[in-house]
Amino acid sequence: MRAAPALLATALLLASCDTDNPSGSTSGDSDDPSESGRQIALHQVSGDGQEGPAGFYLSEPLVVLVTVDGVGAPGRAVQFAVVDGDARCQQTTVTTDSAGLASTHVLLGSATGPVRVGVSLPAATDTTWFAFTAVAASPAPVEPDPDSGTPPGGLGDYALRFRGASRHEVRVGLVASGGDQYTVELWLRPSAAAGPHSLSLPVQVVGQQATDGDAKGSISCTNGTVGFMFSTVDQMPHALYVSQAAPYDEWTHVAGVYDGSAMFVYVNGTLQAEAAVTGAITRADIRGRGTILGGLAGTVDVLDQWFTGDLDEVRIWEVARTATEIRTHMHRPVAAQPGLIGYWPFDEGTGASTADHSGFGYHGQLSNFHGNGQPAWIPGVFTEIDTTGS
């Protein structure tokens, strides 16, 4: 059964925020003929006048209400956009809940001072603004609060549960850089319900390949063995495996890194395997299905694979993350930043899509998630593990 709509829907981080009319629309009636003659209004509910330390998310959400003929209107796209100040230059589109409310947090930038956010929707008669202030922190952080195990931005902390027998997968398009540096990292919890895997091929968790010759940074988990694989432009595959690394029914962090001269596998922030490799990573996409979270598209259907277990905080980088960076950031969300080209924290908690928070727009569609007695959306890894000592 599909869960009830959450108050905060998927946030779409876009590139521009230098306009005083964030929606690009003009005041007045909607272009939708069915809206003709209806009174559509946008009301500010709460969030004005806050203060927050620079680099942190605001502690309280910005909330607006959309009404049509005086009644709260669900399912309306509302756009929040920074129009003055330093707040990571983000625009966020949020869909109103069943009561007509739309809510979002704002990630403050590294500078201090006043910030103004404009809120609009195409059918509204006006635009409203929120005003708040970024205050200095010492030292000023550039990430969400490292002492907090709760996710930033007012989002719930969720993960996705994948059932291989049901062919669950999330398609996000082709995420690849073609350079000679790359990192893929994630939290996974393989399920004992899958039973021992007898095939010779590894079970892919993040599949970026159809054959060994077009792998662009795949992570696998088979009977507790985790692996990292990519192919260079000469179609030569390179793979590293670590046995007994991911116990059933336990959260494990896995990172595969390539720095142009060697590839590495980290498990829970500790280096477990490495091998010398050189060359640029291929961008080939033989079957044209791109990157798949929760499985892999083989050259023919019989070679397709699906992971059974839970997945959270999938991140793809076009840079080689260091051991220190992996350990520092594995226990908390990250902000959009240079080098991060795909990021799925799975924090929607409802619906059939999941947003890419890297800013590159690789938003995912959940395929074949039709229940079978287990919810697709489950509590996230930061809710279920102790991050206070990290």
Protein backbone atom coordinates (compact mmCIF):
# COMPACT_ATOMS: atom_id res chain seq x y z
CA MET A 1 0.00 0.00 0.00
CA ARG A 2 1.37 3.40 -0.91
CA ALA A 3 2.09 5.64 2.07
CA ALA A 4 0.22 8.91 2.57
CA PRO A 5 1.93 11.93 1.00
CA ALA A 6 4.62 13.41 3.21
CA LEU A 7 4.60 17.10 4.10
CA LEU A 8 7.94 17.62 2.43
CA ALA A 9 8.15 16.28 -1.10
CA THR A 10 11.14 15.81 -3.35
CA ALA A 11 13.51 18.78 -3.50
CA LEU A 12 14.91 19.60 -6.92
CA LEU A 13 18.18 21.49 -6.55
CA LEU A 14 18.71 23.69 -9.58
CA ALA A 15 21.52 25.91 -10.67
CA SER A 16 20.22 29.48 -10.65
CA CYS A 17 18.82 31.74 -7.93
CA ASP A 18 19.54 35.25 -9.09
CA THR A 19 16.03 36.36 -9.94
CA ASP A 20 13.37 38.18 -7.93
CA ASN A 21 10.69 36.07 -9.66
CA PRO A 22 11.80 32.51 -8.90
CA SER A 23 9.05 30.74 -10.77
CA GLY A 24 9.59 32.70 -13.97
CA SER A 25 5.84 33.37 -14.02
CA THR A 26 3.81 36.55 -13.80
CA SER A 27 1.13 37.38 -11.27
CA GLY A 28 -2.43 36.61 -12.21
CA ASP A 29 -4.53 33.67 -13.29
CA SER A 30 -3.20 30.26 -14.23
CA ASP A 31 -2.73 29.26 -17.86
CA ASP A 32 -4.74 26.11 -17.08
CA PRO A 33 -8.30 26.66 -18.45
CA SER A 34 -9.75 24.55 -15.63
CA GLU A 35 -8.48 27.18 -13.16
CA SER A 36 -10.29 30.05 -14.86
CA GLY A 37 -12.21 32.21 -12.38
CA ARG A 38 -10.90 30.42 -9.30
CA GLN A 39 -9.30 32.31 -6.43
CA ILE A 40 -5.79 30.89 -5.98
CA ALA A 41 -3.68 32.27 -3.16
CA LEU A 42 -0.33 31.66 -1.52
CA HIS A 43 -0.07 32.28 2.24
CA GLN A 44 3.04 32.42 4.40
CA VAL A 45 2.54 30.24 7.49
CA SER A 46 5.84 30.23 9.41
CA GLY A 47 9.59 30.52 9.16
CA ASP A 48 10.21 34.25 8.84
CA GLY A 49 12.85 35.96 10.99
CA GLN A 50 14.94 32.90 11.83
CA GLU A 51 18.66 32.81 12.50
CA GLY A 52 20.99 29.93 11.75
CA PRO A 53 24.77 29.36 11.81
CA ALA A 54 26.35 29.73 8.37
CA GLY A 55 26.79 26.35 6.67
CA PHE A 56 23.99 24.72 8.68
CA TYR A 57 20.44 24.02 7.62
CA LEU A 58 17.86 26.19 9.32
CA SER A 59 16.44 24.52 12.40
CA GLU A 60 12.84 25.44 11.51
CA PRO A 61 11.16 24.94 8.14
CA LEU A 62 9.74 27.62 5.87
CA VAL A 63 6.05 26.81 5.46
CA VAL A 64 3.43 28.14 3.05
CA LEU A 65 -0.21 27.30 2.38
CA VAL A 66 -1.78 27.15 -1.09
CA THR A 67 -5.53 27.68 -1.25
CA VAL A 68 -8.00 27.44 -4.10
CA ASP A 69 -11.28 29.24 -3.41
CA GLY A 70 -10.26 29.42 0.24
CA VAL A 71 -9.56 25.69 0.66
CA GLY A 72 -6.12 24.10 1.06
CA ALA A 73 -5.00 22.69 -2.30
CA PRO A 74 -2.96 19.45 -2.40
CA GLY A 75 -0.56 18.48 -5.17
CA ARG A 76 0.50 22.02 -6.14
CA ALA A 77 4.13 22.66 -7.09
CA VAL A 78 5.56 25.51 -5.01
CA GLN A 79 8.98 27.00 -5.67
CA PHE A 80 11.27 28.36 -2.96
CA ALA A 81 14.29 30.27 -4.29
CA VAL A 82 17.03 32.34 -2.69
CA VAL A 83 16.82 35.87 -4.09
CA ASP A 84 19.25 37.65 -1.76
CA GLY A 85 22.13 36.37 0.34
CA ASP A 86 24.32 33.29 0.50
CA ALA A 87 22.34 30.05 0.83
CA ARG A 88 24.10 27.70 -1.59
CA CYS A 89 22.16 29.33 -4.44
CA GLN A 90 19.48 26.69 -4.38
CA GLN A 91 15.99 26.52 -5.76
CA THR A 92 13.65 23.95 -4.31
CA THR A 93 10.34 22.76 -5.73
CA VAL A 94 7.97 21.21 -3.19
CA THR A 95 4.54 19.69 -3.74
CA THR A 96 1.81 20.62 -1.27
CA ASP A 97 0.47 17.90 1.02
CA SER A 98 -3.16 16.90 1.54
CA ALA A 99 -3.80 20.08 3.58
CA GLY A 100 -2.25 22.39 0.97
CA LEU A 101 0.95 22.95 2.98
CA ALA A 102 4.44 23.02 1.45
CA SER A 103 7.56 23.06 3.62
CA THR A 104 11.32 23.20 3.10
CA HIS A 105 14.54 23.99 4.95
CA VAL A 106 17.36 26.08 3.48
CA LEU A 107 21.05 25.19 3.57
CA LEU A 108 22.83 28.40 4.53
CA GLY A 109 26.09 29.22 2.77
CA SER A 110 29.46 29.94 4.32
CA ALA A 111 28.93 33.72 4.41
CA THR A 112 27.01 35.52 7.14
CA GLY A 113 24.28 38.13 6.86
CA PRO A 114 20.69 38.48 5.70
CA VAL A 115 19.12 35.93 3.36
CA ARG A 116 15.80 36.33 1.54
CA VAL A 117 13.80 33.50 -0.05
CA GLY A 118 11.02 34.12 -2.53
CA VAL A 119 8.14 31.67 -2.79
CA SER A 120 5.82 31.44 -5.78
CA LEU A 121 3.64 29.16 -7.88
CA PRO A 122 2.41 29.83 -11.42
CA ALA A 123 -1.27 30.18 -10.46
CA ALA A 124 -0.74 32.41 -7.41
CA THR A 125 -1.76 36.05 -7.43
CA ASP A 126 1.44 37.15 -5.72
CA THR A 127 4.82 36.12 -4.39
CA THR A 128 5.78 35.98 -0.73
CA TRP A 129 9.19 36.23 0.90
CA PHE A 130 10.94 34.83 3.96
CA ALA A 131 13.76 36.73 5.64
CA PHE A 132 16.36 35.29 7.99
CA THR A 133 20.01 35.70 8.95
CA ALA A 134 23.06 33.50 8.69
CA VAL A 135 25.20 33.99 11.79
CA ALA A 136 28.86 33.14 12.26
CA ALA A 137 29.91 29.80 13.72
CA SER A 138 33.35 29.07 15.13
CA PRO A 139 34.82 27.41 13.21
CA ALA A 140 32.35 28.03 10.40
CA PRO A 141 31.28 24.61 9.04
CA VAL A 142 30.47 23.92 5.42
CA GLU A 143 28.50 20.73 6.10
CA PRO A 144 25.43 19.88 8.18
CA ASP A 145 26.04 19.66 11.93
CA PRO A 146 28.54 16.80 12.44
CA ASP A 147 27.27 16.16 15.96
CA SER A 148 23.74 15.42 14.84
CA GLY A 149 22.61 11.96 13.78
CA THR A 150 19.42 13.36 12.29
CA PRO A 151 19.26 14.38 8.64
CA PRO A 152 19.25 18.08 7.70
CA GLY A 153 16.61 20.05 5.92
CA GLY A 154 13.58 18.71 7.80
CA LEU A 155 13.56 15.57 5.67
CA GLY A 156 12.75 12.25 7.27
CA ASP A 157 15.62 9.76 7.39
CA TYR A 158 14.62 6.94 5.06
CA ALA A 159 16.26 4.16 3.07
CA LEU A 160 14.99 1.86 0.32
CA ARG A 161 14.33 -1.85 0.67
CA PHE A 162 15.02 -3.92 -2.45
CA ARG A 163 13.57 -7.36 -3.15
CA GLY A 164 15.53 -9.17 -5.83
CA ALA A 165 12.69 -11.60 -6.50
CA SER A 166 10.50 -8.62 -7.42
CA ARG A 167 13.19 -7.05 -9.63
CA HIS A 168 13.25 -3.80 -7.65
CA GLU A 169 15.49 -1.14 -9.16
CA VAL A 170 15.91 2.64 -9.39
CA ARG A 171 16.94 4.00 -12.78
CA VAL A 172 18.79 7.32 -12.69
CA GLY A 173 20.29 7.66 -16.17
CA LEU A 174 23.95 7.34 -17.09
CA VAL A 175 26.17 8.79 -14.32
CA ALA A 176 29.75 8.78 -15.59
CA SER A 177 32.64 11.19 -15.98
CA GLY A 178 35.06 9.48 -18.37
CA GLY A 179 38.04 10.75 -16.37
CA ASP A 180 40.64 8.79 -14.43
CA GLN A 181 39.27 9.49 -10.96
CA TYR A 182 36.07 8.10 -9.52
CA THR A 183 34.39 7.16 -6.24
CA VAL A 184 31.21 5.21 -5.56
CA GLU A 185 30.07 4.88 -1.95
CA LEU A 186 26.93 3.70 -0.16
CA TRP A 187 25.43 2.05 2.88
CA LEU A 188 24.01 -1.43 2.31
CA ARG A 189 22.36 -4.08 4.43
CA PRO A 190 22.09 -7.42 2.60
CA SER A 191 19.12 -9.54 3.60
CA ALA A 192 19.47 -13.13 4.79
CA ALA A 193 16.10 -13.70 3.12
CA ALA A 194 17.90 -13.82 -0.22
CA GLY A 195 19.70 -17.01 0.80
CA PRO A 196 23.08 -18.13 -0.61
CA HIS A 197 23.78 -16.99 -4.15
CA SER A 198 24.98 -19.78 -6.41
CA LEU A 199 25.64 -17.89 -9.65
CA SER A 200 29.19 -17.17 -10.73
CA LEU A 201 28.34 -13.52 -11.41
CA PRO A 202 28.40 -11.09 -8.45
CA VAL A 203 25.10 -9.52 -7.41
CA GLN A 204 25.23 -5.84 -8.25
CA VAL A 205 24.04 -3.19 -5.79
CA VAL A 206 24.88 -0.18 -7.96
CA GLY A 207 25.15 -1.39 -11.54
CA GLN A 208 26.80 0.84 -14.10
CA GLN A 209 27.42 -1.77 -16.75
CA ALA A 210 25.93 -4.36 -19.08
CA THR A 211 29.17 -6.29 -19.63
CA ASP A 212 32.62 -6.32 -18.07
CA GLY A 213 33.79 -4.02 -20.87
CA ASP A 214 31.51 -1.08 -20.06
CA ALA A 215 31.61 -0.93 -16.24
CA LYS A 216 31.82 2.62 -14.93
CA GLY A 217 32.07 2.02 -11.19
CA SER A 218 29.84 -0.81 -9.99
CA ILE A 219 29.45 -2.01 -6.41
CA SER A 220 28.44 -5.63 -5.76
CA CYS A 221 27.54 -7.69 -2.70
CA THR A 222 27.39 -11.49 -2.96
CA ASN A 223 27.15 -13.79 0.07
CA GLY A 224 28.86 -11.12 2.17
CA THR A 225 31.63 -10.42 -0.36
CA VAL A 226 31.69 -6.83 -1.64
CA GLY A 227 33.33 -5.70 -4.85
CA PHE A 228 34.20 -2.64 -6.90
CA MET A 229 34.55 -2.77 -10.69
CA PHE A 230 35.19 -0.44 -13.59
CA SER A 231 36.51 -0.70 -17.14
CA THR A 232 39.05 1.52 -18.82
CA VAL A 233 38.52 2.94 -22.30
CA ASP A 234 40.35 -0.06 -23.81
CA GLN A 235 37.42 -2.17 -22.47
CA MET A 236 39.65 -3.87 -19.93
CA PRO A 237 37.73 -4.70 -16.73
CA HIS A 238 39.31 -4.13 -13.31
CA ALA A 239 37.76 -5.52 -10.14
CA LEU A 240 38.55 -5.84 -6.43
CA TYR A 241 36.68 -8.04 -3.96
CA VAL A 242 36.69 -8.25 -0.15
CA SER A 243 35.25 -11.45 1.33
CA GLN A 244 33.16 -11.63 4.51
CA ALA A 245 32.85 -7.84 4.48
CA ALA A 246 29.08 -7.25 4.66
CA PRO A 247 27.22 -9.45 7.18
CA TYR A 248 23.56 -10.22 6.57
CA ASP A 249 21.06 -7.87 8.22
CA GLU A 250 23.72 -5.35 9.29
CA TRP A 251 24.43 -1.92 7.84
CA THR A 252 27.87 -1.74 6.16
CA HIS A 253 29.48 1.22 4.40
CA VAL A 254 31.30 0.36 1.16
CA ALA A 255 33.37 2.73 -0.98
CA GLY A 256 35.17 2.01 -4.24
CA VAL A 257 37.82 4.56 -5.26
CA TYR A 258 39.99 5.01 -8.35
CA ASP A 259 42.67 7.73 -8.37
CA GLY A 260 44.25 7.18 -11.80
CA SER A 261 47.05 4.95 -10.55
CA ALA A 262 45.26 2.47 -8.26
CA MET A 263 41.83 1.28 -7.20
CA PHE A 264 40.76 0.79 -3.60
CA VAL A 265 37.92 -0.77 -1.60
CA TYR A 266 37.02 0.66 1.80
CA VAL A 267 34.68 -1.11 4.23
CA ASN A 268 33.31 0.99 7.09
CA GLY A 269 35.96 3.60 6.34
CA THR A 270 38.93 1.20 6.49
CA LEU A 271 41.02 0.27 3.43
CA GLN A 272 40.59 -3.45 2.70
CA ALA A 273 42.02 -3.97 -0.80
CA GLU A 274 43.95 -2.13 -3.50
CA ALA A 275 45.44 -2.79 -6.93
CA ALA A 276 47.47 -0.81 -9.45
CA VAL A 277 45.44 0.42 -12.45
CA THR A 278 45.84 3.23 -14.98
CA GLY A 279 43.71 4.70 -17.75
CA ALA A 280 40.51 6.68 -18.22
CA ILE A 281 37.19 5.08 -17.29
CA THR A 282 34.90 4.12 -20.17
CA ARG A 283 31.68 6.02 -20.80
CA ALA A 284 30.22 3.21 -22.94
CA ASP A 285 26.61 2.28 -22.22
CA ILE A 286 26.11 -0.89 -24.24
CA ARG A 287 22.48 -1.61 -23.38
CA GLY A 288 21.50 2.02 -22.89
CA ARG A 289 20.02 1.61 -19.39
CA GLY A 290 22.63 3.71 -17.66
CA THR A 291 23.19 3.50 -13.91
CA ILE A 292 20.83 1.31 -11.88
CA LEU A 293 20.53 1.43 -8.10
CA GLY A 294 19.62 -1.99 -6.76
CA GLY A 295 20.66 -4.07 -9.73
CA LEU A 296 22.29 -4.37 -13.13
CA ALA A 297 21.09 -4.60 -16.72
CA GLY A 298 22.97 -7.34 -18.53
CA THR A 299 23.30 -7.55 -22.30
CA VAL A 300 20.22 -9.80 -22.27
CA ASP A 301 17.44 -10.15 -19.70
CA VAL A 302 18.73 -13.46 -18.36
CA LEU A 303 21.87 -11.65 -17.16
CA ASP A 304 19.96 -8.95 -15.27
CA GLN A 305 20.59 -8.96 -11.52
CA TRP A 306 18.82 -7.52 -8.48
CA PHE A 307 19.98 -6.97 -4.94
CA THR A 308 17.96 -8.17 -1.93
CA GLY A 309 18.43 -5.91 1.06
CA ASP A 310 18.46 -2.25 2.05
CA LEU A 311 20.31 0.64 0.46
CA ASP A 312 20.95 4.22 1.59
CA GLU A 313 23.13 7.29 0.94
CA VAL A 314 24.38 6.37 -2.55
CA ARG A 315 27.02 8.85 -3.74
CA ILE A 316 28.99 8.99 -6.99
CA TRP A 317 31.97 11.30 -7.37
CA GLU A 318 34.18 12.18 -10.33
CA VAL A 319 37.09 12.62 -7.92
CA ALA A 320 39.04 10.15 -5.81
CA ARG A 321 37.84 10.53 -2.23
CA THR A 322 40.55 10.09 0.38
CA ALA A 323 40.31 7.74 3.33
CA THR A 324 39.89 10.73 5.63
CA GLU A 325 37.07 12.17 3.52
CA ILE A 326 35.28 8.84 3.43
CA ARG A 327 35.50 8.35 7.20
CA THR A 328 34.58 11.96 7.97
CA HIS A 329 31.42 12.07 5.86
CA MET A 330 30.10 8.50 5.84
CA HIS A 331 27.99 9.04 8.98
CA ARG A 332 26.13 12.15 7.86
CA PRO A 333 24.54 13.72 4.79
CA VAL A 334 26.65 15.86 2.47
CA ALA A 335 25.87 19.05 0.58
CA ALA A 336 26.09 19.51 -3.18
CA GLN A 337 29.73 20.35 -3.97
CA PRO A 338 32.37 20.15 -6.71
CA GLY A 339 33.14 16.55 -7.65
CA LEU A 340 29.81 15.12 -6.48
CA ILE A 341 27.91 14.05 -9.61
CA GLY A 342 25.18 11.82 -8.15
CA TYR A 343 23.68 11.65 -4.64
CA TRP A 344 20.59 9.76 -3.54
CA PRO A 345 19.88 9.89 0.23
CA PHE A 346 16.42 8.28 -0.33
CA ASP A 347 14.83 10.58 2.25
CA GLU A 348 11.46 11.08 0.53
CA GLY A 349 9.82 8.27 2.52
CA THR A 350 6.94 7.99 0.05
CA GLY A 351 6.19 7.90 -3.65
CA ALA A 352 7.75 6.34 -6.74
CA SER A 353 10.67 8.71 -7.31
CA THR A 354 13.80 9.82 -5.51
CA ALA A 355 15.79 13.01 -6.00
CA ASP A 356 19.43 13.41 -6.94
CA HIS A 357 20.85 15.92 -4.44
CA SER A 358 24.10 16.51 -6.35
CA GLY A 359 22.49 19.21 -8.47
CA PHE A 360 23.04 17.28 -11.74
CA GLY A 361 19.43 16.15 -12.05
CA TYR A 362 19.82 12.36 -12.08
CA HIS A 363 16.46 11.87 -10.40
CA GLY A 364 15.45 8.24 -10.04
CA GLN A 365 12.28 6.31 -10.77
CA LEU A 366 11.42 3.30 -8.61
CA SER A 367 10.62 0.31 -10.84
CA ASN A 368 8.65 -2.81 -9.82
CA PHE A 369 8.25 -1.67 -6.21
CA HIS A 370 4.83 -3.21 -5.70
CA GLY A 371 4.92 -4.23 -2.05
CA ASN A 372 4.83 -8.01 -1.56
CA GLY A 373 4.28 -7.51 2.17
CA GLN A 374 7.37 -5.33 2.72
CA PRO A 375 7.47 -1.53 2.44
CA ALA A 376 9.88 0.00 -0.02
CA TRP A 377 10.57 2.92 2.33
CA ILE A 378 12.13 2.04 5.69
CA PRO A 379 13.98 3.96 8.46
CA GLY A 380 17.33 5.27 7.19
CA VAL A 381 20.81 4.24 8.18
CA PHE A 382 21.41 7.37 10.29
CA THR A 383 18.36 6.49 12.35
CA GLU A 384 19.44 2.89 12.85
CA ILE A 385 23.16 3.23 13.63
CA ASP A 386 24.94 5.19 16.35
CA THR A 387 26.66 8.19 14.78
CA THR A 388 27.37 10.11 17.98
CA GLY A 389 30.92 8.77 18.28
CA SER A 390 31.85 9.15 14.63
